Amino acid sequence: MSLFRSASTVSLLTLASRITGLIRDVLMSSVFGVSALTDAYYVAFRIPNLFRRVLGEGAFSQAFVPVLAACKTEKGDEGAKQLIDHVGTLLTWTLVLLCIAGVVAAPLMVWAMASGLQKSGGFDPAVVMTRWMFPYIGFMSLVAFAGGILNTWRKFAVPAASPVLLNVALILSIVVGAPLFRRWGIEPIYAQCVGVLVGGMLQLGLQLPALRKLGMFPRIGVTFAALRTAWADPTTRKILGLMLPAMIGVSGAQISLLINTQIASHLAEGSVTWITNADRLMEFPSAMLGVALGVVLMPQLAAARAAQDHLRYSAMLDWGLRLIVLLAVPCAVALLVFPKPLVAVLFHNGAFSAIDVQRTTVALMGYGTGLVGIVAIKVLAAGYYARHDMRSPMRFSLIALALTQVLNIFLVPYLQHAGLTLSIGLAQLLNALLLLIGLRRIGAFKPLPGWWRFFAQVLAATLLLAALLAWGNQHFDWIALRDQRLLRAGLLAAFIAGAGVLYFGVLTLAGLKLRSFLRH
């Protein structure tokens, strides 16, 4: 399967995940609105998600997948299976201990992330919800483990489809669970905690049969002798050695998120929810482009590196970066010039007010400034991880973390919660630039000819797209159209479709051969 077909498969399934995620978020905002309880829920859900992104899908995957791909290339399936067994044993035992510790330490974690909830009355509910949802980290880390194995064998569909199950579980928890909880005298939003746990179990359950069919179902050791054997494996210890700098590198963005959530909890009530809703919309393009390309490229880059195929290694990075420029630049511009229609159509229902639309809109624009960087990091960082270089991304991530907090000092007093998203966006642009410069400096990435012409073509098409969307943003009163939902949704769809046709039409007229580019 070609890189483009693989990336398209992951991207389309990610799109399905994001669509079901939007349905979930629309229902969430419509049923629960914006309040101290919604802030508490988002903080509680963010805590296991933070551990998942740092440990499971972050440091672990970035250390495990390149080593597994290299092991598969050098030792074949038998050597890879032994590594999978050893890593699975250590990971499972670690997760059991981590989940127990997380449930016990829930009050401390909530205080560290959002102590401002003590003023709004959301602190105690956040602690309870954190304890309910913390075991989710265990399921999702095992999902990341299984997904890394499947992706290494180029089985991308099942890992990419599994997040849909979480969204389905959360949708059912709103539609079915919330009314039941209300009938039982329990605050309805607690039903979401059950949905999170069920969603985690379903995602893991989907991947296990695929591993068994592949012949790579991990054999988990349950004795101390098995633990000693797994620990003694030099390849396993290599993964653990790579994890520490990778964990520090991944933690940069997550610590920024933690600090920003802490700051938001001290701002106006609802700030955490406004930022979270903006983050949901920003994740649409970032996941479909950055995550999809990162997932597909990581094992292929690692295999090319293990085979000493430097030309193929550089060419894959070049292709990934061009695809990001082609698709992420217009998406970023759309978030900057067309944010209110997106927020109004998707969230302005039920208990979600016009003020909430305005507050979410400015937060979304902050993310829009850094979208290209946020997406590019997924591809650029994969170039380092495939080389088993975890320290360079770590350094650049820490620089971005420092810049985020410096920008917060200057931006938050004037822009409030929107300053938090803007600081993250600008810092991630710097992070991506440092990663790119680093790859160029060590000679791992050598751009192929034609970049300047490509930039000019994308710029021309983007300017016309921006003009159309900016006119649509100003010409219609998207908030006043609340009672005409079909008209408002139809207008949004028409502008998005029209912008897409205009953008790719201009690119074609400018001489960009899209079909040959994608095939290449």
Protein backbone atom coordinates (compact mmCIF):
# COMPACT_ATOMS: atom_id res chain seq x y z
CA MET A 1 0.00 0.00 0.00
CA SER A 2 1.39 3.45 -0.95
CA LEU A 3 2.06 6.11 1.64
CA PHE A 4 -0.79 8.23 0.30
CA ARG A 5 -3.27 5.36 0.40
CA SER A 6 -2.16 4.46 3.90
CA ALA A 7 -2.41 8.08 5.04
CA SER A 8 -5.80 8.40 3.33
CA THR A 9 -7.10 5.33 5.15
CA VAL A 10 -5.98 6.69 8.51
CA SER A 11 -7.23 10.18 7.65
CA LEU A 12 -10.70 9.00 6.57
CA LEU A 13 -11.13 6.87 9.67
CA THR A 14 -9.86 9.77 11.75
CA LEU A 15 -12.48 11.92 10.01
CA ALA A 16 -15.14 9.43 11.12
CA SER A 17 -13.77 9.69 14.64
CA ARG A 18 -13.85 13.49 14.53
CA ILE A 19 -17.38 13.56 13.13
CA THR A 20 -18.66 11.32 15.90
CA GLY A 21 -16.60 13.42 18.30
CA LEU A 22 -18.32 16.57 17.07
CA ILE A 23 -21.72 14.93 17.52
CA ARG A 24 -20.63 14.09 21.06
CA ASP A 25 -19.47 17.65 21.72
CA VAL A 26 -22.60 19.21 20.20
CA LEU A 27 -24.76 17.03 22.44
CA MET A 28 -22.53 17.81 25.41
CA SER A 29 -22.79 21.58 24.93
CA SER A 30 -26.50 21.43 24.18
CA VAL A 31 -27.42 19.25 27.18
CA PHE A 32 -24.95 20.49 29.81
CA GLY A 33 -24.08 23.99 28.54
CA VAL A 34 -21.18 25.81 30.20
CA SER A 35 -20.87 25.72 33.98
CA ALA A 36 -18.61 24.83 36.88
CA LEU A 37 -19.62 21.18 36.43
CA THR A 38 -18.62 21.12 32.75
CA ASP A 39 -15.30 22.72 33.71
CA ALA A 40 -14.90 20.00 36.36
CA TYR A 41 -15.65 17.25 33.83
CA TYR A 42 -13.19 18.57 31.26
CA VAL A 43 -10.48 18.91 33.91
CA ALA A 44 -11.15 15.37 35.16
CA PHE A 45 -11.09 13.95 31.63
CA ARG A 46 -7.94 15.91 30.81
CA ILE A 47 -5.97 14.27 33.64
CA PRO A 48 -6.00 10.66 32.31
CA ASN A 49 -5.72 12.10 28.79
CA LEU A 50 -2.55 13.91 29.83
CA PHE A 51 -1.02 10.67 31.09
CA ARG A 52 -2.19 8.91 27.93
CA ARG A 53 -0.55 11.48 25.67
CA VAL A 54 2.67 11.61 27.68
CA LEU A 55 3.08 7.90 28.44
CA GLY A 56 0.89 5.80 26.14
CA GLU A 57 0.60 7.55 22.80
CA GLY A 58 3.55 9.81 23.55
CA ALA A 59 6.83 8.59 24.99
CA PHE A 60 6.00 4.89 24.80
CA SER A 61 4.83 4.87 21.17
CA GLN A 62 7.66 7.11 20.03
CA ALA A 63 10.23 4.82 21.63
CA PHE A 64 8.51 1.48 20.93
CA VAL A 65 7.46 1.79 17.28
CA PRO A 66 10.88 2.71 15.80
CA VAL A 67 12.64 -0.01 17.81
CA LEU A 68 9.99 -2.58 16.90
CA ALA A 69 10.22 -1.63 13.19
CA ALA A 70 14.02 -1.93 13.29
CA CYS A 71 13.76 -5.27 15.17
CA LYS A 72 11.32 -6.58 12.56
CA THR A 73 13.67 -5.55 9.74
CA GLU A 74 16.78 -7.03 11.38
CA LYS A 75 15.43 -10.12 13.24
CA GLY A 76 12.18 -10.93 11.46
CA ASP A 77 8.77 -11.73 12.95
CA GLU A 78 10.12 -14.16 15.56
CA GLY A 79 12.45 -11.58 17.10
CA ALA A 80 9.72 -8.95 16.98
CA LYS A 81 7.27 -11.28 18.74
CA GLN A 82 9.71 -11.85 21.60
CA LEU A 83 10.11 -8.10 22.00
CA ILE A 84 6.32 -7.64 22.01
CA ASP A 85 5.93 -10.23 24.78
CA HIS A 86 8.55 -8.60 26.97
CA VAL A 87 7.28 -5.06 26.45
CA GLY A 88 3.67 -6.16 27.00
CA THR A 89 4.59 -7.75 30.33
CA LEU A 90 6.36 -4.67 31.67
CA LEU A 91 3.69 -2.30 30.35
CA THR A 92 0.76 -4.19 31.86
CA TRP A 93 2.28 -4.35 35.35
CA THR A 94 3.26 -0.68 35.20
CA LEU A 95 -0.26 0.35 34.20
CA VAL A 96 -1.89 -1.58 37.05
CA LEU A 97 0.28 0.26 39.57
CA LEU A 98 -0.23 3.61 37.84
CA CYS A 99 -4.04 3.30 37.87
CA ILE A 100 -4.08 2.49 41.59
CA ALA A 101 -1.82 5.46 42.32
CA GLY A 102 -3.96 7.76 40.14
CA VAL A 103 -7.18 6.92 41.98
CA VAL A 104 -5.52 7.58 45.33
CA ALA A 105 -3.83 10.81 44.24
CA ALA A 106 -6.86 12.30 42.43
CA PRO A 107 -7.30 15.32 44.78
CA LEU A 108 -3.65 16.30 44.38
CA MET A 109 -3.82 16.02 40.57
CA VAL A 110 -6.99 18.11 40.34
CA TRP A 111 -5.45 20.77 42.56
CA ALA A 112 -2.28 20.79 40.43
CA MET A 113 -4.27 21.19 37.21
CA ALA A 114 -7.15 23.46 38.23
CA SER A 115 -7.05 24.73 41.79
CA GLY A 116 -9.33 27.58 40.72
CA LEU A 117 -12.24 25.12 40.70
CA GLN A 118 -12.30 25.49 44.50
CA LYS A 119 -13.89 28.92 44.01
CA SER A 120 -16.60 27.75 41.61
CA GLY A 121 -17.58 24.61 43.51
CA GLY A 122 -16.24 22.30 40.81
CA PHE A 123 -13.25 20.92 42.74
CA ASP A 124 -14.94 18.04 44.58
CA PRO A 125 -16.90 16.86 41.51
CA ALA A 126 -13.65 16.97 39.51
CA VAL A 127 -11.96 14.71 42.10
CA VAL A 128 -14.81 12.19 41.98
CA MET A 129 -14.87 12.17 38.17
CA THR A 130 -11.08 11.81 38.02
CA ARG A 131 -11.27 8.70 40.21
CA TRP A 132 -13.97 7.24 37.98
CA MET A 133 -12.08 7.91 34.78
CA PHE A 134 -8.42 7.39 35.70
CA PRO A 135 -8.39 3.66 34.78
CA TYR A 136 -9.01 4.90 31.23
CA ILE A 137 -5.26 5.53 31.00
CA GLY A 138 -4.66 1.80 31.42
CA PHE A 139 -6.95 0.83 28.56
CA MET A 140 -5.65 3.56 26.26
CA SER A 141 -1.98 2.78 26.87
CA LEU A 142 -2.65 -0.83 25.90
CA VAL A 143 -4.55 0.48 22.86
CA ALA A 144 -1.44 2.52 21.92
CA PHE A 145 0.70 -0.62 22.39
CA ALA A 146 -1.57 -2.71 20.17
CA GLY A 147 -1.85 0.09 17.62
CA GLY A 148 1.93 0.43 17.41
CA ILE A 149 2.22 -3.27 16.59
CA LEU A 150 -0.51 -3.16 13.94
CA ASN A 151 0.90 0.00 12.34
CA THR A 152 4.36 -1.58 12.11
CA TRP A 153 2.80 -4.39 10.08
CA ARG A 154 0.99 -1.70 8.03
CA LYS A 155 -2.42 -2.64 9.41
CA PHE A 156 -3.62 0.94 9.87
CA ALA A 157 -7.42 0.59 9.68
CA VAL A 158 -8.23 -0.97 13.06
CA PRO A 159 -6.13 1.44 15.21
CA ALA A 160 -7.50 4.43 13.27
CA ALA A 161 -11.10 3.25 13.64
CA SER A 162 -10.99 2.49 17.37
CA PRO A 163 -11.50 6.11 18.61
CA VAL A 164 -14.96 6.06 17.04
CA LEU A 165 -16.00 3.60 19.76
CA LEU A 166 -15.14 6.07 22.51
CA ASN A 167 -17.31 8.72 20.89
CA VAL A 168 -20.18 6.29 20.42
CA ALA A 169 -19.96 5.31 24.09
CA LEU A 170 -19.99 8.98 25.15
CA ILE A 171 -22.93 9.78 22.86
CA LEU A 172 -24.89 6.93 24.41
CA SER A 173 -23.92 8.11 27.89
CA ILE A 174 -25.50 11.50 27.10
CA VAL A 175 -28.59 10.19 25.34
CA VAL A 176 -29.27 7.17 27.56
CA GLY A 177 -27.05 7.48 30.63
CA ALA A 178 -27.73 11.10 31.61
CA PRO A 179 -31.54 10.67 31.85
CA LEU A 180 -31.06 7.49 33.89
CA PHE A 181 -28.67 9.24 36.27
CA ARG A 182 -31.13 12.11 36.67
CA ARG A 183 -33.89 9.62 37.47
CA TRP A 184 -31.65 7.96 40.08
CA GLY A 185 -30.88 11.30 41.73
CA ILE A 186 -27.27 11.45 40.44
CA GLU A 187 -25.88 14.52 38.66
CA PRO A 188 -26.35 13.60 34.95
CA ILE A 189 -22.86 14.67 33.88
CA TYR A 190 -21.41 11.75 35.87
CA ALA A 191 -22.79 9.45 33.19
CA GLN A 192 -19.95 10.70 30.98
CA CYS A 193 -17.45 9.01 33.29
CA VAL A 194 -19.09 5.66 32.64
CA GLY A 195 -19.00 6.40 28.91
CA VAL A 196 -15.26 7.10 29.04
CA LEU A 197 -14.48 3.78 30.76
CA VAL A 198 -16.74 1.77 28.44
CA GLY A 199 -15.19 3.52 25.43
CA GLY A 200 -11.68 2.59 26.58
CA MET A 201 -12.65 -1.07 27.00
CA LEU A 202 -14.31 -1.15 23.57
CA GLN A 203 -11.25 0.32 21.86
CA LEU A 204 -8.97 -2.28 23.38
CA GLY A 205 -11.44 -5.05 22.60
CA LEU A 206 -11.48 -4.05 18.91
CA GLN A 207 -7.71 -4.38 18.53
CA LEU A 208 -7.12 -7.69 20.31
CA PRO A 209 -8.65 -9.91 17.56
CA ALA A 210 -6.55 -8.07 14.95
CA LEU A 211 -3.38 -8.84 16.94
CA ARG A 212 -4.37 -12.49 17.27
CA LYS A 213 -5.02 -12.76 13.52
CA LEU A 214 -1.60 -11.21 12.85
CA GLY A 215 0.05 -13.73 15.17
CA MET A 216 1.39 -10.95 17.38
CA PHE A 217 -0.93 -11.23 20.37
CA PRO A 218 1.33 -10.45 23.35
CA ARG A 219 1.94 -13.14 25.94
CA ILE A 220 1.79 -11.31 29.27
CA GLY A 221 3.93 -12.78 32.04
CA VAL A 222 2.26 -12.86 35.45
CA THR A 223 5.22 -14.01 37.56
CA PHE A 224 8.26 -12.18 38.90
CA ALA A 225 10.42 -14.51 36.81
CA ALA A 226 8.66 -13.25 33.69
CA LEU A 227 9.24 -9.67 34.82
CA ARG A 228 12.96 -10.33 35.34
CA THR A 229 13.24 -11.94 31.90
CA ALA A 230 11.46 -8.99 30.25
CA TRP A 231 13.66 -6.51 32.11
CA ALA A 232 16.84 -8.37 31.15
CA ASP A 233 16.09 -8.09 27.40
CA PRO A 234 18.56 -5.48 26.03
CA THR A 235 16.09 -4.33 23.36
CA THR A 236 13.42 -3.74 26.00
CA ARG A 237 15.90 -1.76 28.06
CA LYS A 238 16.76 0.25 24.96
CA ILE A 239 13.08 1.23 24.63
CA LEU A 240 13.01 2.26 28.29
CA GLY A 241 16.17 4.30 27.77
CA LEU A 242 14.60 6.10 24.81
CA MET A 243 11.39 6.73 26.72
CA LEU A 244 12.84 9.15 29.28
CA PRO A 245 13.94 11.89 26.83
CA ALA A 246 10.84 11.19 24.72
CA MET A 247 8.65 11.61 27.80
CA ILE A 248 10.31 14.93 28.63
CA GLY A 249 9.85 16.05 25.03
CA VAL A 250 6.19 15.09 24.87
CA SER A 251 5.62 16.56 28.31
CA GLY A 252 6.46 20.04 27.04
CA ALA A 253 3.17 20.43 25.19
CA GLN A 254 1.25 18.64 27.94
CA ILE A 255 2.78 20.75 30.71
CA SER A 256 1.82 23.83 28.70
CA LEU A 257 -1.73 22.46 28.58
CA LEU A 258 -1.67 21.73 32.32
CA ILE A 259 -0.42 25.21 33.20
CA ASN A 260 -2.89 26.83 30.82
CA THR A 261 -5.75 24.82 32.34
CA GLN A 262 -4.63 25.96 35.78
CA ILE A 263 -4.62 29.59 34.62
CA ALA A 264 -8.00 29.17 32.88
CA SER A 265 -9.54 27.81 36.07
CA HIS A 266 -8.78 31.18 37.71
CA LEU A 267 -10.36 33.19 34.88
CA ALA A 268 -14.07 33.63 34.15
CA GLU A 269 -16.27 30.61 34.83
CA GLY A 270 -16.51 28.57 31.64
CA SER A 271 -12.98 29.38 30.42
CA VAL A 272 -11.89 25.74 30.57
CA THR A 273 -14.95 24.72 28.55
CA TRP A 274 -14.43 27.46 25.92
CA ILE A 275 -10.82 26.41 25.40
CA THR A 276 -11.79 22.73 25.28
CA ASN A 277 -14.43 23.35 22.60
CA ALA A 278 -11.92 25.35 20.55
CA ASP A 279 -9.43 22.52 20.99
CA ARG A 280 -11.98 20.04 19.62
CA LEU A 281 -12.32 22.04 16.40
CA MET A 282 -8.57 22.53 16.08
CA GLU A 283 -8.05 18.77 16.46
CA PHE A 284 -10.13 18.14 13.35
CA PRO A 285 -7.40 19.16 10.88
CA SER A 286 -4.50 18.40 13.21
CA ALA A 287 -5.58 14.79 13.70
CA MET A 288 -6.60 14.17 10.10
CA LEU A 289 -3.30 15.51 8.77
CA GLY A 290 -0.60 15.44 11.45
CA VAL A 291 -1.61 12.34 13.38
CA ALA A 292 -2.43 10.37 10.22
CA LEU A 293 0.90 11.20 8.58
CA GLY A 294 2.85 10.61 11.80
CA VAL A 295 1.26 7.18 12.27
CA VAL A 296 1.98 6.12 8.69
CA LEU A 297 5.46 7.62 8.35
CA MET A 298 6.97 6.55 11.69
CA PRO A 299 7.40 2.80 10.98
CA GLN A 300 8.32 3.47 7.33
CA LEU A 301 10.98 6.01 8.29
CA ALA A 302 12.35 3.62 10.91
CA ALA A 303 12.52 0.80 8.36
CA ALA A 304 14.28 3.05 5.83
CA ARG A 305 16.73 4.13 8.52
CA ALA A 306 17.43 0.52 9.52
CA ALA A 307 18.03 -0.35 5.84
CA GLN A 308 20.35 2.70 5.45
CA ASP A 309 18.13 3.99 2.62
CA HIS A 310 18.82 7.70 3.20
CA LEU A 311 17.30 8.91 -0.08
CA ARG A 312 13.96 7.24 0.63
CA TYR A 313 14.06 8.53 4.21
CA SER A 314 14.49 12.15 3.06
CA ALA A 315 11.98 11.80 0.22
CA MET A 316 9.27 10.58 2.62
CA LEU A 317 9.84 13.60 4.87
CA ASP A 318 9.71 15.91 1.84
CA TRP A 319 6.42 14.40 0.68
CA GLY A 320 4.90 14.60 4.16
CA LEU A 321 5.85 18.26 4.57
CA ARG A 322 4.45 19.21 1.16
CA LEU A 323 1.18 17.50 1.99
CA ILE A 324 1.01 19.45 5.25
CA VAL A 325 1.60 22.77 3.46
CA LEU A 326 -0.99 21.84 0.83
CA LEU A 327 -3.73 21.01 3.35
CA ALA A 328 -2.85 22.63 6.69
CA VAL A 329 -2.25 26.17 5.42
CA PRO A 330 -5.82 26.66 4.09
CA CYS A 331 -7.21 25.03 7.25
CA ALA A 332 -5.25 27.45 9.43
CA VAL A 333 -6.48 30.43 7.42
CA ALA A 334 -10.05 29.16 7.72
CA LEU A 335 -9.74 29.05 11.52
CA LEU A 336 -8.54 32.66 11.47
CA VAL A 337 -11.07 34.23 9.07
CA PHE A 338 -14.08 31.90 9.40
CA PRO A 339 -14.19 30.83 13.07
CA LYS A 340 -17.58 32.15 14.18
CA PRO A 341 -19.64 30.18 11.62
CA LEU A 342 -17.87 26.97 12.63
CA VAL A 343 -18.52 27.52 16.34
CA ALA A 344 -22.07 28.81 15.90
CA VAL A 345 -23.29 25.96 13.71
CA LEU A 346 -21.70 23.23 15.78
CA PHE A 347 -22.20 24.44 19.34
CA HIS A 348 -24.83 27.23 19.44
CA ASN A 349 -27.69 25.02 20.56
CA GLY A 350 -29.58 24.35 23.77
CA ALA A 351 -27.75 25.66 26.82
CA PHE A 352 -24.79 27.01 24.78
CA SER A 353 -25.30 30.79 24.60
CA ALA A 354 -24.26 33.55 22.18
CA ILE A 355 -21.60 34.68 24.68
CA ASP A 356 -20.22 31.15 24.71
CA VAL A 357 -19.97 31.31 20.90
CA GLN A 358 -17.98 34.56 21.08
CA ARG A 359 -15.63 33.25 23.77
CA THR A 360 -15.01 29.97 21.94
CA THR A 361 -14.45 31.82 18.65
CA VAL A 362 -11.56 33.92 19.92
CA ALA A 363 -9.98 30.85 21.53
CA LEU A 364 -10.21 29.02 18.20
CA MET A 365 -8.48 31.88 16.39
CA GLY A 366 -5.57 31.57 18.83
CA TYR A 367 -5.13 27.93 17.88
CA GLY A 368 -5.43 28.83 14.20
CA THR A 369 -2.22 30.87 14.33
CA GLY A 370 -0.21 27.77 15.18
CA LEU A 371 -2.11 25.03 13.33
CA VAL A 372 0.57 24.54 10.67
CA GLY A 373 3.21 24.12 13.39
CA ILE A 374 1.01 21.78 15.43
CA VAL A 375 0.49 19.55 12.39
CA ALA A 376 4.07 19.73 11.10
CA ILE A 377 5.49 18.62 14.45
CA LYS A 378 3.92 15.17 13.99
CA VAL A 379 5.90 14.59 10.80
CA LEU A 380 9.12 16.37 11.77
CA ALA A 381 9.35 14.68 15.19
CA ALA A 382 8.83 11.29 13.52
CA GLY A 383 11.99 12.02 11.53
CA TYR A 384 13.95 12.17 14.79
CA TYR A 385 12.24 9.25 16.52
CA ALA A 386 12.92 6.99 13.54
CA ARG A 387 16.63 7.76 14.10
CA HIS A 388 16.24 6.92 17.82
CA ASP A 389 17.02 10.57 18.56
CA MET A 390 14.71 11.54 21.41
CA ARG A 391 16.88 14.30 22.85
CA SER A 392 16.55 16.87 20.06
CA PRO A 393 12.72 16.95 20.11
CA MET A 394 12.96 17.07 23.91
CA ARG A 395 15.12 20.22 23.82
CA PHE A 396 12.92 21.95 21.28
CA SER A 397 9.77 21.04 23.22
CA LEU A 398 11.20 22.55 26.40
CA ILE A 399 12.06 25.75 24.51
CA ALA A 400 8.47 25.90 23.25
CA LEU A 401 7.21 25.32 26.81
CA ALA A 402 9.27 28.24 28.09
CA LEU A 403 8.05 30.49 25.27
CA THR A 404 4.42 29.54 25.97
CA GLN A 405 4.65 30.71 29.56
CA VAL A 406 6.50 33.91 28.66
CA LEU A 407 3.78 34.72 26.14
CA ASN A 408 1.11 33.94 28.75
CA ILE A 409 2.55 36.66 30.98
CA PHE A 410 2.02 39.26 28.27
CA LEU A 411 -1.11 37.96 26.51
CA VAL A 412 -3.46 36.63 29.22
CA PRO A 413 -3.97 39.97 31.04
CA TYR A 414 -5.32 41.47 27.81
CA LEU A 415 -6.84 38.51 25.92
CA GLN A 416 -7.88 36.34 28.91
CA HIS A 417 -8.52 32.71 27.85
CA ALA A 418 -7.80 33.50 24.18
CA GLY A 419 -4.28 34.48 25.19
CA LEU A 420 -3.73 30.92 26.40
CA THR A 421 -4.52 29.37 23.01
CA LEU A 422 -2.56 32.04 21.13
CA SER A 423 0.54 31.39 23.25
CA ILE A 424 0.35 27.66 22.50
CA GLY A 425 -0.10 28.31 18.78
CA LEU A 426 2.89 30.64 18.51
CA ALA A 427 5.13 28.37 20.60
CA GLN A 428 4.29 25.33 18.47
CA LEU A 429 5.25 27.26 15.33
CA LEU A 430 8.67 27.81 16.88
CA ASN A 431 8.88 24.15 17.89
CA ALA A 432 8.20 23.03 14.31
CA LEU A 433 10.75 25.49 12.92
CA LEU A 434 13.45 24.22 15.30
CA LEU A 435 12.69 20.61 14.35
CA LEU A 436 12.95 21.48 10.65
CA ILE A 437 16.23 23.37 11.06
CA GLY A 438 17.64 20.47 13.09
CA LEU A 439 16.81 17.88 10.42
CA ARG A 440 18.38 20.08 7.75
CA ARG A 441 21.49 20.67 9.85
CA ILE A 442 22.23 16.97 10.38
CA GLY A 443 21.54 16.21 6.71
CA ALA A 444 18.60 13.89 7.40
CA PHE A 445 16.24 16.03 5.29
CA LYS A 446 17.23 17.47 1.93
CA PRO A 447 14.32 19.26 0.23
CA LEU A 448 13.62 18.13 -3.32
CA PRO A 449 13.47 20.78 -6.07
CA GLY A 450 10.31 22.84 -6.64
CA TRP A 451 9.51 24.12 -3.16
CA TRP A 452 9.42 27.85 -4.04
CA ARG A 453 7.00 27.34 -6.93
CA PHE A 454 4.89 25.09 -4.71
CA PHE A 455 4.77 27.79 -2.01
CA ALA A 456 3.66 30.39 -4.57
CA GLN A 457 0.86 28.16 -5.87
CA VAL A 458 -0.45 27.43 -2.35
CA LEU A 459 -0.22 31.11 -1.36
CA ALA A 460 -2.23 32.30 -4.38
CA ALA A 461 -4.97 29.74 -3.81
CA THR A 462 -5.07 30.44 -0.06
CA LEU A 463 -5.49 34.19 -0.53
CA LEU A 464 -8.59 33.69 -2.69
CA LEU A 465 -9.97 31.12 -0.23
CA ALA A 466 -9.41 33.59 2.62
CA ALA A 467 -11.26 36.36 0.76
CA LEU A 468 -14.31 34.15 0.19
CA LEU A 469 -14.47 32.91 3.79
CA ALA A 470 -13.85 36.37 5.30
CA TRP A 471 -16.77 37.73 3.27
CA GLY A 472 -19.00 34.89 4.46
CA ASN A 473 -17.95 35.46 8.07
CA GLN A 474 -18.94 39.15 7.92
CA HIS A 475 -21.93 39.09 5.57
CA PHE A 476 -24.16 36.79 7.65
CA ASP A 477 -25.19 37.12 11.29
CA TRP A 478 -24.41 33.55 12.28
CA ILE A 479 -25.62 33.96 15.85
CA ALA A 480 -28.97 35.49 14.85
CA LEU A 481 -29.62 32.49 12.60
CA ARG A 482 -29.84 30.19 15.63
CA ASP A 483 -33.53 29.42 15.08
CA GLN A 484 -32.93 28.63 11.40
CA ARG A 485 -30.65 25.69 11.95
CA LEU A 486 -31.01 24.09 8.54
CA LEU A 487 -30.33 27.38 6.76
CA ARG A 488 -27.29 28.06 8.94
CA ALA A 489 -25.90 24.55 8.46
CA GLY A 490 -26.55 24.75 4.73
CA LEU A 491 -24.70 28.05 4.46
CA LEU A 492 -21.74 26.62 6.36
CA ALA A 493 -21.60 23.57 4.09
CA ALA A 494 -21.88 25.77 0.99
CA PHE A 495 -19.01 28.02 2.07
CA ILE A 496 -16.76 25.09 3.00
CA ALA A 497 -17.50 23.29 -0.27
CA GLY A 498 -17.11 26.51 -2.28
CA ALA A 499 -13.81 27.30 -0.57
CA GLY A 500 -12.53 23.79 -1.33
CA VAL A 501 -13.51 23.99 -5.00
CA LEU A 502 -11.97 27.46 -5.30
CA TYR A 503 -8.73 26.42 -3.57
CA PHE A 504 -8.07 23.28 -5.59
CA GLY A 505 -9.32 24.93 -8.77
CA VAL A 506 -6.79 27.75 -8.43
CA LEU A 507 -4.04 25.24 -7.66
CA THR A 508 -4.88 23.34 -10.83
CA LEU A 509 -4.90 26.52 -12.92
CA ALA A 510 -1.57 27.48 -11.34
CA GLY A 511 -0.06 24.28 -12.70
CA LEU A 512 -0.01 22.00 -9.66
CA LYS A 513 -0.68 18.45 -10.80
CA LEU A 514 -2.46 17.10 -7.76
CA ARG A 515 -2.82 13.54 -8.96
CA SER A 516 0.85 13.09 -9.80
CA PHE A 517 1.82 14.84 -6.55
CA LEU A 518 -0.25 12.47 -4.45
CA ARG A 519 0.99 9.43 -6.37
CA HIS A 520 4.58 10.58 -5.89
